[in-house]
Amino acid sequence: MIEVIKRPLVTEKNSIYNSLNTYVFEVDTAARKTQIKAAVESAFRVKVEEVRTVNCRNRARRAGMKMSPVKYWKKAFVKLAPGEKISLFEGA
């Protein structure tokens, strides 16, 4: 079984989403929306209303004459049901 949630993404831009009851996580690239929903509900004991995902890519880096390979990763926007909160993001 894959580990679905890798880490929460805590940035200034994502704090705006937190006020809209949406939390952002870096997830495994092979994870599906249903797997992400189940992982967040079981890890934080909350009710998830909607999951949106984005495939992101880092920039390629130059090392001399060669270019490093581009690394891809996946970001998930998890919207919780009204009244639900994740306390992990409250202190940030």
PDB file of N, CA and C in Angstrom:
ATOM      1  N   MET A   1       0.841  -1.201   0.000  1.00  0.00           N
ATOM      2  CA  MET A   1       0.000   0.000   0.000  1.00  0.00           C
ATOM      3  C   MET A   1       0.873   1.246   0.000  1.00  0.00           C
ATOM      4  N   ILE A   2       0.464   2.211  -0.773  1.00  0.00           N
ATOM      5  CA  ILE A   2       1.238   3.448  -0.851  1.00  0.00           C
ATOM      6  C   ILE A   2       0.882   4.360   0.312  1.00  0.00           C
ATOM      7  N   GLU A   3       1.852   5.169   0.697  1.00  0.00           N
ATOM      8  CA  GLU A   3       1.578   6.179   1.710  1.00  0.00           C
ATOM      9  C   GLU A   3       1.031   7.389   0.976  1.00  0.00           C
ATOM     10  N   VAL A   4      -0.222   7.717   1.200  1.00  0.00           N
ATOM     11  CA  VAL A   4      -0.922   8.705   0.389  1.00  0.00           C
ATOM     12  C   VAL A   4      -0.476  10.121   0.727  1.00  0.00           C
ATOM     13  N   ILE A   5      -0.595  10.530   1.982  1.00  0.00           N
ATOM     14  CA  ILE A   5      -0.254  11.901   2.374  1.00  0.00           C
ATOM     15  C   ILE A   5       1.227  11.956   2.712  1.00  0.00           C
ATOM     16  N   LYS A   6       1.963  12.805   1.996  1.00  0.00           N
ATOM     17  CA  LYS A   6       3.388  12.947   2.283  1.00  0.00           C
ATOM     18  C   LYS A   6       3.638  14.025   3.335  1.00  0.00           C
ATOM     19  N   ARG A   7       3.074  15.211   3.122  1.00  0.00           N
ATOM     20  CA  ARG A   7       3.273  16.304   4.078  1.00  0.00           C
ATOM     21  C   ARG A   7       2.240  17.389   3.816  1.00  0.00           C
ATOM     22  N   PRO A   8       1.891  18.170   4.841  1.00  0.00           N
ATOM     23  CA  PRO A   8       1.028  19.335   4.614  1.00  0.00           C
ATOM     24  C   PRO A   8       1.847  20.478   4.029  1.00  0.00           C
ATOM     25  N   LEU A   9       1.236  21.258   3.178  1.00  0.00           N
ATOM     26  CA  LEU A   9       1.913  22.409   2.585  1.00  0.00           C
ATOM     27  C   LEU A   9       1.433  23.665   3.308  1.00  0.00           C
ATOM     28  N   VAL A  10       2.309  24.229   4.119  1.00  0.00           N
ATOM     29  CA  VAL A  10       1.977  25.415   4.904  1.00  0.00           C
ATOM     30  C   VAL A  10       2.723  26.591   4.312  1.00  0.00           C
ATOM     31  N   THR A  11       2.011  27.417   3.568  1.00  0.00           N
ATOM     32  CA  THR A  11       2.584  28.625   2.978  1.00  0.00           C
ATOM     33  C   THR A  11       1.623  29.785   3.219  1.00  0.00           C
ATOM     34  N   GLU A  12       2.073  30.969   2.891  1.00  0.00           N
ATOM     35  CA  GLU A  12       1.227  32.145   3.077  1.00  0.00           C
ATOM     36  C   GLU A  12       0.020  32.084   2.146  1.00  0.00           C
ATOM     37  N   LYS A  13       0.235  31.619   0.921  1.00  0.00           N
ATOM     38  CA  LYS A  13      -0.868  31.519  -0.028  1.00  0.00           C
ATOM     39  C   LYS A  13      -1.874  30.457   0.407  1.00  0.00           C
ATOM     40  N   ASN A  14      -1.375  29.350   0.963  1.00  0.00           N
ATOM     41  CA  ASN A  14      -2.279  28.290   1.405  1.00  0.00           C
ATOM     42  C   ASN A  14      -3.037  28.670   2.670  1.00  0.00           C
ATOM     43  N   SER A  15      -2.548  29.654   3.426  1.00  0.00           N
ATOM     44  CA  SER A  15      -3.285  30.094   4.612  1.00  0.00           C
ATOM     45  C   SER A  15      -4.593  30.788   4.216  1.00  0.00           C
ATOM     46  N   ILE A  16      -4.650  31.337   3.021  1.00  0.00           N
ATOM     47  CA  ILE A  16      -5.911  31.904   2.514  1.00  0.00           C
ATOM     48  C   ILE A  16      -6.921  30.786   2.303  1.00  0.00           C
ATOM     49  N   TYR A  17      -6.448  29.652   1.765  1.00  0.00           N
ATOM     50  CA  TYR A  17      -7.321  28.496   1.590  1.00  0.00           C
ATOM     51  C   TYR A  17      -7.810  27.964   2.933  1.00  0.00           C
ATOM     52  N   ASN A  18      -6.965  28.022   3.962  1.00  0.00           N
ATOM     53  CA  ASN A  18      -7.358  27.534   5.283  1.00  0.00           C
ATOM     54  C   ASN A  18      -8.550  28.306   5.826  1.00  0.00           C
ATOM     55  N   SER A  19      -8.606  29.609   5.540  1.00  0.00           N
ATOM     56  CA  SER A  19      -9.743  30.396   5.997  1.00  0.00           C
ATOM     57  C   SER A  19     -11.022  30.017   5.252  1.00  0.00           C
ATOM     58  N   LEU A  20     -10.874  29.380   4.071  1.00  0.00           N
ATOM     59  CA  LEU A  20     -12.024  28.917   3.298  1.00  0.00           C
ATOM     60  C   LEU A  20     -12.333  27.438   3.572  1.00  0.00           C
ATOM     61  N   ASN A  21     -11.746  26.900   4.656  1.00  0.00           N
ATOM     62  CA  ASN A  21     -11.947  25.514   5.093  1.00  0.00           C
ATOM     63  C   ASN A  21     -11.394  24.505   4.079  1.00  0.00           C
ATOM     64  N   THR A  22     -10.329  24.890   3.378  1.00  0.00           N
ATOM     65  CA  THR A  22      -9.648  24.012   2.429  1.00  0.00           C
ATOM     66  C   THR A  22      -8.195  23.896   2.858  1.00  0.00           C
ATOM     67  N   TYR A  23      -7.679  22.684   2.893  1.00  0.00           N
ATOM     68  CA  TYR A  23      -6.308  22.429   3.331  1.00  0.00           C
ATOM     69  C   TYR A  23      -5.529  21.785   2.191  1.00  0.00           C
ATOM     70  N   VAL A  24      -4.226  22.068   2.118  1.00  0.00           N
ATOM     71  CA  VAL A  24      -3.398  21.641   0.998  1.00  0.00           C
ATOM     72  C   VAL A  24      -2.341  20.654   1.490  1.00  0.00           C
ATOM     73  N   PHE A  25      -2.202  19.542   0.765  1.00  0.00           N
ATOM     74  CA  PHE A  25      -1.244  18.507   1.104  1.00  0.00           C
ATOM     75  C   PHE A  25      -0.449  18.111  -0.132  1.00  0.00           C
ATOM     76  N   GLU A  26       0.805  17.697   0.100  1.00  0.00           N
ATOM     77  CA  GLU A  26       1.541  17.014  -0.954  1.00  0.00           C
ATOM     78  C   GLU A  26       1.220  15.539  -0.810  1.00  0.00           C
ATOM     79  N   VAL A  27       0.806  14.912  -1.911  1.00  0.00           N
ATOM     80  CA  VAL A  27       0.390  13.510  -1.875  1.00  0.00           C
ATOM     81  C   VAL A  27       1.204  12.701  -2.875  1.00  0.00           C
ATOM     82  N   ASP A  28       1.089  11.389  -2.783  1.00  0.00           N
ATOM     83  CA  ASP A  28       1.780  10.499  -3.702  1.00  0.00           C
ATOM     84  C   ASP A  28       1.240  10.695  -5.111  1.00  0.00           C
ATOM     85  N   THR A  29       2.115  10.588  -6.113  1.00  0.00           N
ATOM     86  CA  THR A  29       1.694  10.847  -7.491  1.00  0.00           C
ATOM     87  C   THR A  29       0.718   9.807  -8.012  1.00  0.00           C
ATOM     88  N   ALA A  30       0.707   8.615  -7.428  1.00  0.00           N
ATOM     89  CA  ALA A  30      -0.202   7.560  -7.878  1.00  0.00           C
ATOM     90  C   ALA A  30      -1.524   7.559  -7.118  1.00  0.00           C
ATOM     91  N   ALA A  31      -1.696   8.452  -6.152  1.00  0.00           N
ATOM     92  CA  ALA A  31      -2.901   8.468  -5.318  1.00  0.00           C
ATOM     93  C   ALA A  31      -4.096   9.014  -6.092  1.00  0.00           C
ATOM     94  N   ARG A  32      -5.234   8.387  -5.895  1.00  0.00           N
ATOM     95  CA  ARG A  32      -6.493   8.826  -6.491  1.00  0.00           C
ATOM     96  C   ARG A  32      -7.247   9.692  -5.484  1.00  0.00           C
ATOM     97  N   LYS A  33      -8.272  10.411  -5.981  1.00  0.00           N
ATOM     98  CA  LYS A  33      -9.031  11.300  -5.106  1.00  0.00           C
ATOM     99  C   LYS A  33      -9.733  10.535  -3.977  1.00  0.00           C
ATOM    100  N   THR A  34     -10.252   9.364  -4.282  1.00  0.00           N
ATOM    101  CA  THR A  34     -10.933   8.582  -3.249  1.00  0.00           C
ATOM    102  C   THR A  34      -9.951   8.111  -2.183  1.00  0.00           C
ATOM    103  N   GLN A  35      -8.721   7.769  -2.593  1.00  0.00           N
ATOM    104  CA  GLN A  35      -7.704   7.361  -1.630  1.00  0.00           C
ATOM    105  C   GLN A  35      -7.281   8.528  -0.757  1.00  0.00           C
ATOM    106  N   ILE A  36      -7.159   9.715  -1.348  1.00  0.00           N
ATOM    107  CA  ILE A  36      -6.786  10.910  -0.601  1.00  0.00           C
ATOM    108  C   ILE A  36      -7.878  11.237   0.418  1.00  0.00           C
ATOM    109  N   LYS A  37      -9.124  11.164  -0.006  1.00  0.00           N
ATOM    110  CA  LYS A  37     -10.246  11.446   0.886  1.00  0.00           C
ATOM    111  C   LYS A  37     -10.254  10.488   2.073  1.00  0.00           C
ATOM    112  N   ALA A  38     -10.069   9.210   1.810  1.00  0.00           N
ATOM    113  CA  ALA A  38     -10.068   8.216   2.889  1.00  0.00           C
ATOM    114  C   ALA A  38      -8.883   8.415   3.828  1.00  0.00           C
ATOM    115  N   ALA A  39      -7.720   8.776   3.289  1.00  0.00           N
ATOM    116  CA  ALA A  39      -6.532   8.974   4.120  1.00  0.00           C
ATOM    117  C   ALA A  39      -6.686  10.182   5.039  1.00  0.00           C
ATOM    118  N   VAL A  40      -7.232  11.289   4.530  1.00  0.00           N
ATOM    119  CA  VAL A  40      -7.415  12.493   5.346  1.00  0.00           C
ATOM    120  C   VAL A  40      -8.480  12.247   6.414  1.00  0.00           C
ATOM    121  N   GLU A  41      -9.566  11.570   6.043  1.00  0.00           N
ATOM    122  CA  GLU A  41     -10.621  11.300   7.019  1.00  0.00           C
ATOM    123  C   GLU A  41     -10.131  10.401   8.146  1.00  0.00           C
ATOM    124  N   SER A  42      -9.312   9.405   7.824  1.00  0.00           N
ATOM    125  CA  SER A  42      -8.834   8.510   8.872  1.00  0.00           C
ATOM    126  C   SER A  42      -7.704   9.126   9.695  1.00  0.00           C
ATOM    127  N   ALA A  43      -6.853   9.948   9.073  1.00  0.00           N
ATOM    128  CA  ALA A  43      -5.721  10.527   9.792  1.00  0.00           C
ATOM    129  C   ALA A  43      -6.145  11.653  10.736  1.00  0.00           C
ATOM    130  N   PHE A  44      -7.077  12.489  10.304  1.00  0.00           N
ATOM    131  CA  PHE A  44      -7.440  13.669  11.091  1.00  0.00           C
ATOM    132  C   PHE A  44      -8.839  13.592  11.693  1.00  0.00           C
ATOM    133  N   ARG A  45      -9.584  12.514  11.433  1.00  0.00           N
ATOM    134  CA  ARG A  45     -10.936  12.309  11.956  1.00  0.00           C
ATOM    135  C   ARG A  45     -11.864  13.481  11.636  1.00  0.00           C
ATOM    136  N   VAL A  46     -11.930  13.808  10.350  1.00  0.00           N
ATOM    137  CA  VAL A  46     -12.795  14.881   9.863  1.00  0.00           C
ATOM    138  C   VAL A  46     -13.620  14.339   8.698  1.00  0.00           C
ATOM    139  N   LYS A  47     -14.627  15.098   8.281  1.00  0.00           N
ATOM    140  CA  LYS A  47     -15.466  14.733   7.145  1.00  0.00           C
ATOM    141  C   LYS A  47     -15.035  15.571   5.948  1.00  0.00           C
ATOM    142  N   VAL A  48     -14.598  14.916   4.875  1.00  0.00           N
ATOM    143  CA  VAL A  48     -14.126  15.596   3.664  1.00  0.00           C
ATOM    144  C   VAL A  48     -15.293  15.764   2.706  1.00  0.00           C
ATOM    145  N   GLU A  49     -15.435  16.989   2.182  1.00  0.00           N
ATOM    146  CA  GLU A  49     -16.510  17.289   1.256  1.00  0.00           C
ATOM    147  C   GLU A  49     -16.054  17.153  -0.196  1.00  0.00           C
ATOM    148  N   GLU A  50     -14.830  17.606  -0.502  1.00  0.00           N
ATOM    149  CA  GLU A  50     -14.365  17.632  -1.891  1.00  0.00           C
ATOM    150  C   GLU A  50     -12.844  17.542  -1.919  1.00  0.00           C
ATOM    151  N   VAL A  51     -12.310  16.911  -2.966  1.00  0.00           N
ATOM    152  CA  VAL A  51     -10.865  16.811  -3.163  1.00  0.00           C
ATOM    153  C   VAL A  51     -10.552  17.246  -4.589  1.00  0.00           C
ATOM    154  N   ARG A  52      -9.618  18.176  -4.726  1.00  0.00           N
ATOM    155  CA  ARG A  52      -9.122  18.591  -6.038  1.00  0.00           C
ATOM    156  C   ARG A  52      -7.626  18.326  -6.069  1.00  0.00           C
ATOM    157  N   THR A  53      -7.127  17.864  -7.202  1.00  0.00           N
ATOM    158  CA  THR A  53      -5.705  17.549  -7.308  1.00  0.00           C
ATOM    159  C   THR A  53      -5.071  18.306  -8.460  1.00  0.00           C
ATOM    160  N   VAL A  54      -3.763  18.569  -8.312  1.00  0.00           N
ATOM    161  CA  VAL A  54      -2.981  19.264  -9.331  1.00  0.00           C
ATOM    162  C   VAL A  54      -1.642  18.538  -9.461  1.00  0.00           C
ATOM    163  N   ASN A  55      -1.264  18.215 -10.683  1.00  0.00           N
ATOM    164  CA  ASN A  55       0.061  17.657 -10.929  1.00  0.00           C
ATOM    165  C   ASN A  55       1.019  18.814 -11.155  1.00  0.00           C
ATOM    166  N   CYS A  56       2.046  18.916 -10.330  1.00  0.00           N
ATOM    167  CA  CYS A  56       3.005  20.013 -10.387  1.00  0.00           C
ATOM    168  C   CYS A  56       4.347  19.478 -10.867  1.00  0.00           C
ATOM    169  N   ARG A  57       5.179  20.378 -11.354  1.00  0.00           N
ATOM    170  CA  ARG A  57       6.523  19.967 -11.730  1.00  0.00           C
ATOM    171  C   ARG A  57       7.516  21.023 -11.309  1.00  0.00           C
ATOM    172  N   ASN A  58       8.658  20.559 -10.850  1.00  0.00           N
ATOM    173  CA  ASN A  58       9.737  21.464 -10.502  1.00  0.00           C
ATOM    174  C   ASN A  58      10.482  21.860 -11.768  1.00  0.00           C
ATOM    175  N   ARG A  59      11.288  22.875 -11.671  1.00  0.00           N
ATOM    176  CA  ARG A  59      12.088  23.305 -12.812  1.00  0.00           C
ATOM    177  C   ARG A  59      13.283  22.397 -12.974  1.00  0.00           C
ATOM    178  N   ALA A  60      13.710  22.213 -14.199  1.00  0.00           N
ATOM    179  CA  ALA A  60      14.933  21.448 -14.463  1.00  0.00           C
ATOM    180  C   ALA A  60      16.128  22.319 -14.081  1.00  0.00           C
ATOM    181  N   ARG A  61      17.154  21.719 -13.536  1.00  0.00           N
ATOM    182  CA  ARG A  61      18.347  22.448 -13.102  1.00  0.00           C
ATOM    183  C   ARG A  61      19.503  22.110 -14.025  1.00  0.00           C
ATOM    184  N   ARG A  62      20.342  23.080 -14.275  1.00  0.00           N
ATOM    185  CA  ARG A  62      21.510  22.861 -15.119  1.00  0.00           C
ATOM    186  C   ARG A  62      22.716  22.583 -14.225  1.00  0.00           C
ATOM    187  N   ALA A  63      23.441  21.520 -14.581  1.00  0.00           N
ATOM    188  CA  ALA A  63      24.675  21.175 -13.899  1.00  0.00           C
ATOM    189  C   ALA A  63      25.747  21.032 -14.980  1.00  0.00           C
ATOM    190  N   GLY A  64      26.439  22.116 -15.249  1.00  0.00           N
ATOM    191  CA  GLY A  64      27.423  22.112 -16.338  1.00  0.00           C
ATOM    192  C   GLY A  64      26.710  22.081 -17.671  1.00  0.00           C
ATOM    193  N   MET A  65      27.011  21.087 -18.479  1.00  0.00           N
ATOM    194  CA  MET A  65      26.380  20.960 -19.787  1.00  0.00           C
ATOM    195  C   MET A  65      25.095  20.134 -19.738  1.00  0.00           C
ATOM    196  N   LYS A  66      24.828  19.481 -18.624  1.00  0.00           N
ATOM    197  CA  LYS A  66      23.681  18.587 -18.536  1.00  0.00           C
ATOM    198  C   LYS A  66      22.527  19.235 -17.777  1.00  0.00           C
ATOM    199  N   MET A  67      21.328  18.822 -18.138  1.00  0.00           N
ATOM    200  CA  MET A  67      20.132  19.251 -17.427  1.00  0.00           C
ATOM    201  C   MET A  67      19.666  18.110 -16.529  1.00  0.00           C
ATOM    202  N   SER A  68      19.301  18.443 -15.295  1.00  0.00           N
ATOM    203  CA  SER A  68      18.793  17.413 -14.395  1.00  0.00           C
ATOM    204  C   SER A  68      17.383  17.030 -14.836  1.00  0.00           C
ATOM    205  N   PRO A  69      16.935  15.844 -14.497  1.00  0.00           N
ATOM    206  CA  PRO A  69      15.561  15.460 -14.874  1.00  0.00           C
ATOM    207  C   PRO A  69      14.540  16.261 -14.077  1.00  0.00           C
ATOM    208  N   VAL A  70      13.393  16.497 -14.694  1.00  0.00           N
ATOM    209  CA  VAL A  70      12.322  17.249 -14.053  1.00  0.00           C
ATOM    210  C   VAL A  70      11.607  16.332 -13.065  1.00  0.00           C
ATOM    211  N   LYS A  71      11.370  16.822 -11.866  1.00  0.00           N
ATOM    212  CA  LYS A  71      10.684  16.043 -10.843  1.00  0.00           C
ATOM    213  C   LYS A  71       9.217  16.471 -10.777  1.00  0.00           C
ATOM    214  N   TYR A  72       8.334  15.493 -10.844  1.00  0.00           N
ATOM    215  CA  TYR A  72       6.905  15.745 -10.768  1.00  0.00           C
ATOM    216  C   TYR A  72       6.386  15.376  -9.384  1.00  0.00           C
ATOM    217  N   TRP A  73       5.380  16.121  -8.900  1.00  0.00           N
ATOM    218  CA  TRP A  73       4.748  15.835  -7.628  1.00  0.00           C
ATOM    219  C   TRP A  73       3.292  16.248  -7.707  1.00  0.00           C
ATOM    220  N   LYS A  74       2.493  15.805  -6.749  1.00  0.00           N
ATOM    221  CA  LYS A  74       1.054  16.034  -6.785  1.00  0.00           C
ATOM    222  C   LYS A  74       0.604  16.789  -5.545  1.00  0.00           C
ATOM    223  N   LYS A  75      -0.260  17.760  -5.766  1.00  0.00           N
ATOM    224  CA  LYS A  75      -0.804  18.581  -4.683  1.00  0.00           C
ATOM    225  C   LYS A  75      -2.309  18.321  -4.607  1.00  0.00           C
ATOM    226  N   ALA A  76      -2.830  18.201  -3.391  1.00  0.00           N
ATOM    227  CA  ALA A  76      -4.260  17.960  -3.196  1.00  0.00           C
ATOM    228  C   ALA A  76      -4.863  19.073  -2.354  1.00  0.00           C
ATOM    229  N   PHE A  77      -5.969  19.645  -2.848  1.00  0.00           N
ATOM    230  CA  PHE A  77      -6.741  20.631  -2.115  1.00  0.00           C
ATOM    231  C   PHE A  77      -7.939  19.898  -1.516  1.00  0.00           C
ATOM    232  N   VAL A  78      -7.989  19.815  -0.188  1.00  0.00           N
ATOM    233  CA  VAL A  78      -9.026  19.048   0.501  1.00  0.00           C
ATOM    234  C   VAL A  78      -9.969  20.025   1.194  1.00  0.00           C
ATOM    235  N   LYS A  79     -11.233  20.038   0.748  1.00  0.00           N
ATOM    236  CA  LYS A  79     -12.247  20.901   1.363  1.00  0.00           C
ATOM    237  C   LYS A  79     -13.026  20.081   2.374  1.00  0.00           C
ATOM    238  N   LEU A  80     -13.099  20.600   3.588  1.00  0.00           N
ATOM    239  CA  LEU A  80     -13.793  19.901   4.665  1.00  0.00           C
ATOM    240  C   LEU A  80     -15.242  20.345   4.754  1.00  0.00           C
ATOM    241  N   ALA A  81     -16.036  19.525   5.401  1.00  0.00           N
ATOM    242  CA  ALA A  81     -17.441  19.852   5.626  1.00  0.00           C
ATOM    243  C   ALA A  81     -17.530  21.050   6.565  1.00  0.00           C
ATOM    244  N   PRO A  82     -18.620  21.804   6.507  1.00  0.00           N
ATOM    245  CA  PRO A  82     -18.764  22.962   7.401  1.00  0.00           C
ATOM    246  C   PRO A  82     -18.676  22.556   8.867  1.00  0.00           C
ATOM    247  N   GLY A  83     -17.909  23.337   9.628  1.00  0.00           N
ATOM    248  CA  GLY A  83     -17.735  23.074  11.056  1.00  0.00           C
ATOM    249  C   GLY A  83     -16.537  22.208  11.381  1.00  0.00           C
ATOM    250  N   GLU A  84     -15.915  21.601  10.389  1.00  0.00           N
ATOM    251  CA  GLU A  84     -14.744  20.746  10.608  1.00  0.00           C
ATOM    252  C   GLU A  84     -13.467  21.571  10.502  1.00  0.00           C
ATOM    253  N   LYS A  85     -12.423  21.194  11.274  1.00  0.00           N
ATOM    254  CA  LYS A  85     -11.133  21.865  11.238  1.00  0.00           C
ATOM    255  C   LYS A  85     -10.033  20.856  11.452  1.00  0.00           C
ATOM    256  N   ILE A  86      -8.843  21.162  10.945  1.00  0.00           N
ATOM    257  CA  ILE A  86      -7.660  20.361  11.215  1.00  0.00           C
ATOM    258  C   ILE A  86      -6.777  21.217  12.100  1.00  0.00           C
ATOM    259  N   SER A  87      -6.494  20.748  13.312  1.00  0.00           N
ATOM    260  CA  SER A  87      -5.759  21.558  14.291  1.00  0.00           C
ATOM    261  C   SER A  87      -4.291  21.710  13.922  1.00  0.00           C
ATOM    262  N   LEU A  88      -3.785  20.863  13.033  1.00  0.00           N
ATOM    263  CA  LEU A  88      -2.392  20.934  12.599  1.00  0.00           C
ATOM    264  C   LEU A  88      -2.086  22.281  11.945  1.00  0.00           C
ATOM    265  N   PHE A  89      -3.042  22.851  11.224  1.00  0.00           N
ATOM    266  CA  PHE A  89      -2.847  24.086  10.497  1.00  0.00           C
ATOM    267  C   PHE A  89      -3.171  25.327  11.322  1.00  0.00           C
ATOM    268  N   GLU A  90      -3.783  25.176  12.459  1.00  0.00           N
ATOM    269  CA  GLU A  90      -4.221  26.329  13.249  1.00  0.00           C
ATOM    270  C   GLU A  90      -3.064  27.122  13.830  1.00  0.00           C
ATOM    271  N   GLY A  91      -1.954  26.481  14.177  1.00  0.00           N
ATOM    272  CA  GLY A  91      -0.824  27.177  14.772  1.00  0.00           C
ATOM    273  C   GLY A  91       0.052  27.876  13.762  1.00  0.00           C
ATOM    274  N   ALA A  92      -0.115  27.590  12.482  1.00  0.00           N
ATOM    275  CA  ALA A  92       0.752  28.144  11.443  1.00  0.00           C
ATOM    276  C   ALA A  92       0.334  29.531  11.065  1.00  0.00           C
TER     277      ALA A  92
END
